[in-house]
Amino acid sequence: MAPDPTPPAAVCAPSEVLLRRLLGGMSVFTLLMTLPQVLTIWVGQQAAGVSVSSWSAYLVSALLWFWFGLQKRDKNIYLPCVGWIGMNSAVIAGALVYG
């Protein structure tokens, strides 16, 4: 097995550490911003105007990023994708049920 070329966090430049923290924060923020859409669909049972094709494209993208993140062993990539896969799947399923 080839060694992991990613340097440990302790050796990373301060700008890279800051960027990784910002990316992590934005991942949480954007997931929270999507939660109202999921709640509107599942709690309010309203999916009017929700595009299944658009959300399906987001799901495919999240799956590809998840796969890429696993290959790179980068938690900043694959962990948020778990949330996105769940959110996108919830929107698609809700749009199919209530749309």
Protein backbone atom coordinates (compact mmCIF):
# COMPACT_ATOMS: atom_id res chain seq x y z
CA MET A 1 0.00 0.00 0.00
CA ALA A 2 1.36 3.41 -0.95
CA PRO A 3 1.90 5.93 1.84
CA ASP A 4 -0.72 8.64 2.30
CA PRO A 5 0.66 11.85 0.73
CA THR A 6 -1.62 14.04 2.85
CA PRO A 7 0.41 15.66 5.64
CA PRO A 8 -0.94 15.36 9.18
CA ALA A 9 -2.89 18.36 10.45
CA ALA A 10 -0.04 19.35 12.78
CA VAL A 11 2.25 19.83 9.77
CA CYS A 12 -0.30 21.67 7.59
CA ALA A 13 0.16 25.34 6.88
CA PRO A 14 -2.06 27.66 8.97
CA SER A 15 -3.93 28.73 5.83
CA GLU A 16 -4.79 25.09 5.05
CA VAL A 17 -6.00 24.51 8.60
CA LEU A 18 -8.19 27.61 8.35
CA LEU A 19 -9.58 26.49 4.99
CA ARG A 20 -10.38 23.01 6.35
CA ARG A 21 -12.22 24.57 9.29
CA LEU A 22 -14.15 26.90 6.99
CA LEU A 23 -15.08 23.99 4.73
CA GLY A 24 -16.31 21.99 7.71
CA GLY A 25 -18.35 24.93 8.96
CA MET A 26 -19.85 25.56 5.53
CA SER A 27 -20.76 21.88 5.23
CA VAL A 28 -22.78 22.08 8.44
CA PHE A 29 -24.29 25.44 7.45
CA THR A 30 -25.45 24.29 4.02
CA LEU A 31 -26.93 21.09 5.44
CA LEU A 32 -28.86 23.16 7.98
CA MET A 33 -30.05 25.45 5.17
CA THR A 34 -31.46 22.41 3.35
CA LEU A 35 -33.31 21.08 6.39
CA PRO A 36 -36.31 23.46 5.91
CA GLN A 37 -36.85 22.00 2.43
CA VAL A 38 -36.91 18.48 3.85
CA LEU A 39 -39.27 19.54 6.67
CA THR A 40 -41.60 21.36 4.27
CA ILE A 41 -41.91 18.21 2.20
CA TRP A 42 -42.23 15.63 4.98
CA VAL A 43 -43.96 17.56 7.77
CA GLY A 44 -46.03 19.91 5.61
CA GLN A 45 -46.53 17.25 2.92
CA GLN A 46 -45.89 19.88 0.26
CA ALA A 47 -43.56 19.12 -2.63
CA ALA A 48 -44.98 21.48 -5.26
CA GLY A 49 -42.23 22.92 -7.41
CA VAL A 50 -39.55 20.49 -6.24
CA SER A 51 -37.57 19.17 -9.18
CA VAL A 52 -36.79 15.47 -8.80
CA SER A 53 -34.32 15.68 -11.68
CA SER A 54 -32.36 18.52 -10.03
CA TRP A 55 -32.23 16.80 -6.64
CA SER A 56 -31.27 13.53 -8.36
CA ALA A 57 -28.33 15.32 -9.98
CA TYR A 58 -27.31 16.62 -6.53
CA LEU A 59 -27.54 13.06 -5.19
CA VAL A 60 -25.34 11.68 -7.98
CA SER A 61 -22.84 14.48 -7.31
CA ALA A 62 -22.80 13.70 -3.57
CA LEU A 63 -22.24 10.01 -4.31
CA LEU A 64 -19.32 10.80 -6.61
CA TRP A 65 -17.77 13.20 -4.08
CA PHE A 66 -18.25 10.58 -1.35
CA TRP A 67 -16.43 7.99 -3.45
CA PHE A 68 -13.65 10.49 -4.25
CA GLY A 69 -13.33 11.46 -0.58
CA LEU A 70 -13.00 7.83 0.46
CA GLN A 71 -10.31 7.26 -2.16
CA LYS A 72 -8.39 10.31 -0.92
CA ARG A 73 -9.11 9.40 2.71
CA ASP A 74 -10.22 12.98 3.28
CA LYS A 75 -12.86 13.32 6.00
CA ASN A 76 -13.58 16.91 4.89
CA ILE A 77 -14.87 15.47 1.64
CA TYR A 78 -16.62 12.22 2.50
CA LEU A 79 -18.24 13.02 5.86
CA PRO A 80 -20.38 15.93 4.58
CA CYS A 81 -21.40 13.74 1.67
CA VAL A 82 -23.08 11.33 4.08
CA GLY A 83 -25.35 14.19 5.15
CA TRP A 84 -25.93 15.28 1.57
CA ILE A 85 -26.79 11.77 0.45
CA GLY A 86 -29.38 11.60 3.23
CA MET A 87 -30.81 15.06 2.56
CA ASN A 88 -30.99 14.61 -1.20
CA SER A 89 -32.59 11.19 -0.81
CA ALA A 90 -35.17 12.61 1.61
CA VAL A 91 -36.11 15.41 -0.81
CA ILE A 92 -36.36 13.01 -3.76
CA ALA A 93 -38.45 10.47 -1.84
CA GLY A 94 -40.71 13.21 -0.47
CA ALA A 95 -41.17 14.76 -3.90
CA LEU A 96 -42.16 11.38 -5.29
CA VAL A 97 -44.59 10.72 -2.43
CA TYR A 98 -46.17 14.19 -2.16
CA GLY A 99 -45.44 15.70 -5.58
